[in-house]
PDB file of N, CA and C in Angstrom:
ATOM      1  N   MET A   1     -10.692  10.998  16.117  1.00  0.00           N
ATOM      2  CA  MET A   1     -10.035  10.817  14.746  1.00  0.00           C
ATOM      3  C   MET A   1      -8.706  10.122  14.958  1.00  0.00           C
ATOM      4  N   LYS A   2      -8.507   9.165  14.069  1.00  0.00           N
ATOM      5  CA  LYS A   2      -7.126   8.455  14.068  1.00  0.00           C
ATOM      6  C   LYS A   2      -6.445   8.823  12.793  1.00  0.00           C
ATOM      7  N   VAL A   3      -5.071   8.915  12.903  1.00  0.00           N
ATOM      8  CA  VAL A   3      -4.300   9.213  11.748  1.00  0.00           C
ATOM      9  C   VAL A   3      -3.097   8.150  11.776  1.00  0.00           C
ATOM     10  N   PHE A   4      -2.846   7.523  10.655  1.00  0.00           N
ATOM     11  CA  PHE A   4      -1.715   6.669  10.553  1.00  0.00           C
ATOM     12  C   PHE A   4      -1.257   6.545   9.115  1.00  0.00           C
ATOM     13  N   ASN A   5      -0.227   5.865   8.841  1.00  0.00           N
ATOM     14  CA  ASN A   5       0.350   5.674   7.476  1.00  0.00           C
ATOM     15  C   ASN A   5       0.082   4.285   7.017  1.00  0.00           C
ATOM     16  N   LEU A   6      -0.114   4.011   5.754  1.00  0.00           N
ATOM     17  CA  LEU A   6      -0.168   2.699   5.177  1.00  0.00           C
ATOM     18  C   LEU A   6       0.476   2.609   3.891  1.00  0.00           C
ATOM     19  N   MET A   7       0.639   1.319   3.490  1.00  0.00           N
ATOM     20  CA  MET A   7       1.193   1.089   2.150  1.00  0.00           C
ATOM     21  C   MET A   7       0.275   0.116   1.449  1.00  0.00           C
ATOM     22  N   LEU A   8      -0.003   0.326   0.200  1.00  0.00           N
ATOM     23  CA  LEU A   8      -0.857  -0.548  -0.607  1.00  0.00           C
ATOM     24  C   LEU A   8       0.012  -0.952  -1.745  1.00  0.00           C
ATOM     25  N   ASN A   9       0.572  -2.203  -1.782  1.00  0.00           N
ATOM     26  CA  ASN A   9       1.596  -2.564  -2.640  1.00  0.00           C
ATOM     27  C   ASN A   9       1.129  -3.258  -3.881  1.00  0.00           C
ATOM     28  N   SER A  10      -0.240  -3.597  -3.945  1.00  0.00           N
ATOM     29  CA  SER A  10      -0.642  -4.346  -5.191  1.00  0.00           C
ATOM     30  C   SER A  10      -2.025  -3.873  -5.490  1.00  0.00           C
ATOM     31  N   ILE A  11      -2.587  -4.359  -6.577  1.00  0.00           N
ATOM     32  CA  ILE A  11      -3.974  -4.130  -6.875  1.00  0.00           C
ATOM     33  C   ILE A  11      -4.832  -4.875  -5.959  1.00  0.00           C
ATOM     34  N   ASN A  12      -4.464  -6.026  -5.572  1.00  0.00           N
ATOM     35  CA  ASN A  12      -5.358  -6.709  -4.559  1.00  0.00           C
ATOM     36  C   ASN A  12      -5.365  -6.098  -3.199  1.00  0.00           C
ATOM     37  N   ASP A  13      -4.266  -5.411  -2.870  1.00  0.00           N
ATOM     38  CA  ASP A  13      -4.263  -4.668  -1.572  1.00  0.00           C
ATOM     39  C   ASP A  13      -5.265  -3.533  -1.638  1.00  0.00           C
ATOM     40  N   VAL A  14      -5.252  -2.825  -2.762  1.00  0.00           N
ATOM     41  CA  VAL A  14      -6.202  -1.662  -2.970  1.00  0.00           C
ATOM     42  C   VAL A  14      -7.653  -2.206  -2.904  1.00  0.00           C
ATOM     43  N   LYS A  15      -7.924  -3.313  -3.484  1.00  0.00           N
ATOM     44  CA  LYS A  15      -9.252  -3.832  -3.646  1.00  0.00           C
ATOM     45  C   LYS A  15      -9.614  -4.288  -2.141  1.00  0.00           C
ATOM     46  N   ASP A  16      -8.814  -5.000  -1.579  1.00  0.00           N
ATOM     47  CA  ASP A  16      -9.113  -5.541  -0.185  1.00  0.00           C
ATOM     48  C   ASP A  16      -9.325  -4.262   0.777  1.00  0.00           C
ATOM     49  N   PHE A  17      -8.504  -3.246   0.666  1.00  0.00           N
ATOM     50  CA  PHE A  17      -8.606  -2.092   1.547  1.00  0.00           C
ATOM     51  C   PHE A  17      -9.984  -1.375   1.311  1.00  0.00           C
ATOM     52  N   VAL A  18     -10.304  -1.165   0.033  1.00  0.00           N
ATOM     53  CA  VAL A  18     -11.607  -0.469  -0.300  1.00  0.00           C
ATOM     54  C   VAL A  18     -12.711  -1.351   0.222  1.00  0.00           C
ATOM     55  N   ASN A  19     -12.724  -2.681   0.040  1.00  0.00           N
ATOM     56  CA  ASN A  19     -13.809  -3.460   0.621  1.00  0.00           C
ATOM     57  C   ASN A  19     -13.946  -3.372   2.081  1.00  0.00           C
ATOM     58  N   ILE A  20     -12.790  -3.302   2.809  1.00  0.00           N
ATOM     59  CA  ILE A  20     -12.894  -3.107   4.276  1.00  0.00           C
ATOM     60  C   ILE A  20     -13.516  -1.794   4.682  1.00  0.00           C
ATOM     61  N   VAL A  21     -12.986  -0.691   4.070  1.00  0.00           N
ATOM     62  CA  VAL A  21     -13.467   0.693   4.423  1.00  0.00           C
ATOM     63  C   VAL A  21     -14.938   0.891   4.134  1.00  0.00           C
ATOM     64  N   SER A  22     -15.430   0.199   2.939  1.00  0.00           N
ATOM     65  CA  SER A  22     -16.747   0.324   2.549  1.00  0.00           C
ATOM     66  C   SER A  22     -17.739  -0.231   3.526  1.00  0.00           C
ATOM     67  N   LYS A  23     -17.315  -1.164   4.422  1.00  0.00           N
ATOM     68  CA  LYS A  23     -18.193  -1.805   5.338  1.00  0.00           C
ATOM     69  C   LYS A  23     -18.633  -0.850   6.456  1.00  0.00           C
ATOM     70  N   TYR A  24     -17.765   0.383   6.725  1.00  0.00           N
ATOM     71  CA  TYR A  24     -18.073   1.234   7.826  1.00  0.00           C
ATOM     72  C   TYR A  24     -18.727   2.511   7.334  1.00  0.00           C
ATOM     73  N   ASP A  25     -19.527   3.079   8.362  1.00  0.00           N
ATOM     74  CA  ASP A  25     -20.282   4.318   7.987  1.00  0.00           C
ATOM     75  C   ASP A  25     -19.557   5.546   8.120  1.00  0.00           C
ATOM     76  N   PHE A  26     -18.464   5.590   8.851  1.00  0.00           N
ATOM     77  CA  PHE A  26     -17.534   6.790   9.012  1.00  0.00           C
ATOM     78  C   PHE A  26     -16.791   7.141   7.836  1.00  0.00           C
ATOM     79  N   ASP A  27     -16.335   8.349   7.691  1.00  0.00           N
ATOM     80  CA  ASP A  27     -15.443   8.787   6.575  1.00  0.00           C
ATOM     81  C   ASP A  27     -14.019   8.494   6.818  1.00  0.00           C
ATOM     82  N   VAL A  28     -13.333   8.044   5.720  1.00  0.00           N
ATOM     83  CA  VAL A  28     -11.943   7.846   5.780  1.00  0.00           C
ATOM     84  C   VAL A  28     -11.251   8.491   4.614  1.00  0.00           C
ATOM     85  N   ASP A  29     -10.342   9.451   4.900  1.00  0.00           N
ATOM     86  CA  ASP A  29      -9.653  10.155   3.851  1.00  0.00           C
ATOM     87  C   ASP A  29      -8.243   9.611   3.635  1.00  0.00           C
ATOM     88  N   LEU A  30      -7.618   9.570   2.450  1.00  0.00           N
ATOM     89  CA  LEU A  30      -6.333   9.173   2.131  1.00  0.00           C
ATOM     90  C   LEU A  30      -5.537  10.450   1.572  1.00  0.00           C
ATOM     91  N   THR A  31      -4.351  10.759   2.061  1.00  0.00           N
ATOM     92  CA  THR A  31      -3.735  11.945   1.597  1.00  0.00           C
ATOM     93  C   THR A  31      -2.265  11.409   1.075  1.00  0.00           C
ATOM     94  N   SER A  32      -1.942  11.896  -0.184  1.00  0.00           N
ATOM     95  CA  SER A  32      -0.664  11.694  -0.674  1.00  0.00           C
ATOM     96  C   SER A  32      -0.192  13.013  -1.326  1.00  0.00           C
ATOM     97  N   GLY A  33       0.795  13.517  -0.679  1.00  0.00           N
ATOM     98  CA  GLY A  33       1.254  14.918  -1.232  1.00  0.00           C
ATOM     99  C   GLY A  33       0.123  15.853  -0.898  1.00  0.00           C
ATOM    100  N   ARG A  34      -0.294  16.542  -2.041  1.00  0.00           N
ATOM    101  CA  ARG A  34      -1.358  17.528  -1.883  1.00  0.00           C
ATOM    102  C   ARG A  34      -2.748  17.062  -2.301  1.00  0.00           C
ATOM    103  N   TYR A  35      -2.869  15.740  -2.564  1.00  0.00           N
ATOM    104  CA  TYR A  35      -4.053  15.179  -3.043  1.00  0.00           C
ATOM    105  C   TYR A  35      -4.797  14.429  -1.769  1.00  0.00           C
ATOM    106  N   VAL A  36      -6.072  14.612  -1.640  1.00  0.00           N
ATOM    107  CA  VAL A  36      -6.846  13.945  -0.653  1.00  0.00           C
ATOM    108  C   VAL A  36      -7.978  13.256  -1.445  1.00  0.00           C
ATOM    109  N   VAL A  37      -8.256  11.924  -1.143  1.00  0.00           N
ATOM    110  CA  VAL A  37      -9.298  11.186  -1.785  1.00  0.00           C
ATOM    111  C   VAL A  37     -10.048  10.482  -0.739  1.00  0.00           C
ATOM    112  N   ASP A  38     -11.316  10.093  -1.059  1.00  0.00           N
ATOM    113  CA  ASP A  38     -12.147   9.243  -0.242  1.00  0.00           C
ATOM    114  C   ASP A  38     -11.603   7.861  -0.304  1.00  0.00           C
ATOM    115  N   ALA A  39     -11.371   7.210   0.811  1.00  0.00           N
ATOM    116  CA  ALA A  39     -10.858   5.886   0.834  1.00  0.00           C
ATOM    117  C   ALA A  39     -11.806   4.847   0.332  1.00  0.00           C
ATOM    118  N   LYS A  40     -13.017   5.111   0.074  1.00  0.00           N
ATOM    119  CA  LYS A  40     -14.081   4.241  -0.409  1.00  0.00           C
ATOM    120  C   LYS A  40     -14.086   4.239  -1.908  1.00  0.00           C
ATOM    121  N   SER A  41     -13.258   5.068  -2.611  1.00  0.00           N
ATOM    122  CA  SER A  41     -13.227   5.312  -3.968  1.00  0.00           C
ATOM    123  C   SER A  41     -11.952   4.531  -4.628  1.00  0.00           C
ATOM    124  N   ILE A  42     -12.147   3.460  -5.207  1.00  0.00           N
ATOM    125  CA  ILE A  42     -11.097   2.693  -5.708  1.00  0.00           C
ATOM    126  C   ILE A  42     -10.374   3.522  -6.828  1.00  0.00           C
ATOM    127  N   MET A  43     -11.061   4.294  -7.630  1.00  0.00           N
ATOM    128  CA  MET A  43     -10.449   5.043  -8.710  1.00  0.00           C
ATOM    129  C   MET A  43      -9.624   6.244  -8.034  1.00  0.00           C
ATOM    130  N   GLY A  44     -10.134   6.740  -6.971  1.00  0.00           N
ATOM    131  CA  GLY A  44      -9.370   7.808  -6.206  1.00  0.00           C
ATOM    132  C   GLY A  44      -8.110   7.337  -5.679  1.00  0.00           C
ATOM    133  N   ILE A  45      -8.150   6.122  -5.147  1.00  0.00           N
ATOM    134  CA  ILE A  45      -6.847   5.486  -4.575  1.00  0.00           C
ATOM    135  C   ILE A  45      -5.834   5.394  -5.695  1.00  0.00           C
ATOM    136  N   PHE A  46      -6.305   4.742  -6.930  1.00  0.00           N
ATOM    137  CA  PHE A  46      -5.360   4.663  -8.004  1.00  0.00           C
ATOM    138  C   PHE A  46      -4.862   5.849  -8.582  1.00  0.00           C
ATOM    139  N   SER A  47      -5.419   6.979  -8.229  1.00  0.00           N
ATOM    140  CA  SER A  47      -4.879   8.315  -8.680  1.00  0.00           C
ATOM    141  C   SER A  47      -3.826   8.848  -7.842  1.00  0.00           C
ATOM    142  N   LEU A  48      -3.508   8.151  -6.678  1.00  0.00           N
ATOM    143  CA  LEU A  48      -2.420   8.529  -5.809  1.00  0.00           C
ATOM    144  C   LEU A  48      -1.086   7.820  -6.129  1.00  0.00           C
ATOM    145  N   ASN A  49      -0.069   8.383  -5.650  1.00  0.00           N
ATOM    146  CA  ASN A  49       1.250   7.792  -5.839  1.00  0.00           C
ATOM    147  C   ASN A  49       1.321   6.615  -4.787  1.00  0.00           C
ATOM    148  N   LEU A  50       1.164   5.375  -5.213  1.00  0.00           N
ATOM    149  CA  LEU A  50       1.135   4.255  -4.333  1.00  0.00           C
ATOM    150  C   LEU A  50       2.560   3.668  -4.127  1.00  0.00           C
ATOM    151  N   SER A  51       3.486   4.374  -4.574  1.00  0.00           N
ATOM    152  CA  SER A  51       4.969   3.863  -4.283  1.00  0.00           C
ATOM    153  C   SER A  51       5.425   4.524  -2.959  1.00  0.00           C
ATOM    154  N   LYS A  52       4.738   5.408  -2.433  1.00  0.00           N
ATOM    155  CA  LYS A  52       5.057   6.073  -1.144  1.00  0.00           C
ATOM    156  C   LYS A  52       4.001   5.718  -0.078  1.00  0.00           C
ATOM    157  N   PRO A  53       4.327   5.874   1.200  1.00  0.00           N
ATOM    158  CA  PRO A  53       3.287   5.629   2.188  1.00  0.00           C
ATOM    159  C   PRO A  53       2.138   6.727   2.036  1.00  0.00           C
ATOM    160  N   ILE A  54       0.963   6.313   2.368  1.00  0.00           N
ATOM    161  CA  ILE A  54      -0.267   7.081   2.261  1.00  0.00           C
ATOM    162  C   ILE A  54      -0.780   7.366   3.694  1.00  0.00           C
ATOM    163  N   LYS A  55      -1.004   8.750   3.917  1.00  0.00           N
ATOM    164  CA  LYS A  55      -1.512   9.159   5.189  1.00  0.00           C
ATOM    165  C   LYS A  55      -3.084   8.938   5.205  1.00  0.00           C
ATOM    166  N   VAL A  56      -3.638   8.309   6.372  1.00  0.00           N
ATOM    167  CA  VAL A  56      -5.023   7.898   6.530  1.00  0.00           C
ATOM    168  C   VAL A  56      -5.528   8.690   7.629  1.00  0.00           C
ATOM    169  N   GLU A  57      -6.725   9.338   7.414  1.00  0.00           N
ATOM    170  CA  GLU A  57      -7.420   9.970   8.571  1.00  0.00           C
ATOM    171  C   GLU A  57      -8.794   9.293   8.671  1.00  0.00           C
ATOM    172  N   VAL A  58      -9.070   8.700   9.815  1.00  0.00           N
ATOM    173  CA  VAL A  58     -10.260   8.068  10.048  1.00  0.00           C
ATOM    174  C   VAL A  58     -11.109   9.042  10.915  1.00  0.00           C
ATOM    175  N   HIS A  59     -12.271   9.439  10.467  1.00  0.00           N
ATOM    176  CA  HIS A  59     -13.103  10.377  11.178  1.00  0.00           C
ATOM    177  C   HIS A  59     -14.104   9.687  11.969  1.00  0.00           C
ATOM    178  N   SER A  60     -13.541   9.025  13.041  1.00  0.00           N
ATOM    179  CA  SER A  60     -14.407   8.357  14.019  1.00  0.00           C
ATOM    180  C   SER A  60     -13.587   8.011  15.156  1.00  0.00           C
ATOM    181  N   ASP A  61     -14.100   8.030  16.405  1.00  0.00           N
ATOM    182  CA  ASP A  61     -13.363   7.682  17.599  1.00  0.00           C
ATOM    183  C   ASP A  61     -13.631   6.171  17.916  1.00  0.00           C
ATOM    184  N   ASP A  62     -14.701   5.654  17.333  1.00  0.00           N
ATOM    185  CA  ASP A  62     -15.073   4.234  17.610  1.00  0.00           C
ATOM    186  C   ASP A  62     -14.737   3.392  16.322  1.00  0.00           C
ATOM    187  N   CYS A  63     -13.300   3.230  16.148  1.00  0.00           N
ATOM    188  CA  CYS A  63     -12.983   2.522  14.923  1.00  0.00           C
ATOM    189  C   CYS A  63     -11.975   1.400  15.246  1.00  0.00           C
ATOM    190  N   ASP A  64     -12.126   0.819  16.441  1.00  0.00           N
ATOM    191  CA  ASP A  64     -11.189  -0.354  16.820  1.00  0.00           C
ATOM    192  C   ASP A  64     -11.281  -1.505  15.862  1.00  0.00           C
ATOM    193  N   ALA A  65     -12.593  -1.825  15.522  1.00  0.00           N
ATOM    194  CA  ALA A  65     -12.760  -3.001  14.608  1.00  0.00           C
ATOM    195  C   ALA A  65     -12.111  -2.808  13.252  1.00  0.00           C
ATOM    196  N   PHE A  66     -12.323  -1.603  12.792  1.00  0.00           N
ATOM    197  CA  PHE A  66     -11.665  -1.158  11.555  1.00  0.00           C
ATOM    198  C   PHE A  66     -10.078  -1.166  11.616  1.00  0.00           C
ATOM    199  N   MET A  67      -9.623  -0.634  12.739  1.00  0.00           N
ATOM    200  CA  MET A  67      -8.145  -0.684  12.781  1.00  0.00           C
ATOM    201  C   MET A  67      -7.642  -2.088  12.812  1.00  0.00           C
ATOM    202  N   ALA A  68      -8.313  -2.939  13.437  1.00  0.00           N
ATOM    203  CA  ALA A  68      -7.790  -4.430  13.473  1.00  0.00           C
ATOM    204  C   ALA A  68      -7.835  -4.966  12.025  1.00  0.00           C
ATOM    205  N   GLU A  69      -8.856  -4.576  11.271  1.00  0.00           N
ATOM    206  CA  GLU A  69      -8.869  -5.166   9.900  1.00  0.00           C
ATOM    207  C   GLU A  69      -7.832  -4.625   8.934  1.00  0.00           C
ATOM    208  N   VAL A  70      -7.490  -3.369   9.165  1.00  0.00           N
ATOM    209  CA  VAL A  70      -6.435  -2.783   8.188  1.00  0.00           C
ATOM    210  C   VAL A  70      -5.093  -2.788   8.778  1.00  0.00           C
ATOM    211  N   ASP A  71      -4.906  -3.483   9.892  1.00  0.00           N
ATOM    212  CA  ASP A  71      -3.560  -3.562  10.583  1.00  0.00           C
ATOM    213  C   ASP A  71      -2.454  -4.064   9.732  1.00  0.00           C
ATOM    214  N   ARG A  72      -2.799  -4.966   8.721  1.00  0.00           N
ATOM    215  CA  ARG A  72      -1.729  -5.574   7.870  1.00  0.00           C
ATOM    216  C   ARG A  72      -1.193  -4.553   6.878  1.00  0.00           C
ATOM    217  N   PHE A  73      -1.915  -3.428   6.612  1.00  0.00           N
ATOM    218  CA  PHE A  73      -1.415  -2.317   5.709  1.00  0.00           C
ATOM    219  C   PHE A  73      -0.663  -1.260   6.401  1.00  0.00           C
ATOM    220  N   ILE A  74      -0.825  -1.171   7.705  1.00  0.00           N
ATOM    221  CA  ILE A  74      -0.256  -0.049   8.512  1.00  0.00           C
ATOM    222  C   ILE A  74       1.299  -0.227   8.573  1.00  0.00           C
ATOM    223  N   ILE A  75       1.966   0.885   8.366  1.00  0.00           N
ATOM    224  CA  ILE A  75       3.480   1.036   8.552  1.00  0.00           C
ATOM    225  C   ILE A  75       3.751   2.052   9.666  1.00  0.00           C
ATOM    226  N   ASP A  76       4.952   2.034  10.148  1.00  0.00           N
ATOM    227  CA  ASP A  76       5.348   2.996  11.101  1.00  0.00           C
ATOM    228  C   ASP A  76       5.962   4.201  10.500  1.00  0.00           C
TER     229      ASP A  76
END
């Protein structure tokens, strides 16, 4: 499992992120405060507070290709 933070600053960022996540079979959860949503759900993501960093949990050990694709959204 991988855990990191990301920022989605625009509607297009959310759309691009969901399109990337949807290509993979493993589960990805997004956590903002006490809310946890499926990263493949665009409506779920829009229910989060997008003005703050979002915690991402990737439920796979073989996710290097995924990490490379979402690298532009990752923050420290």
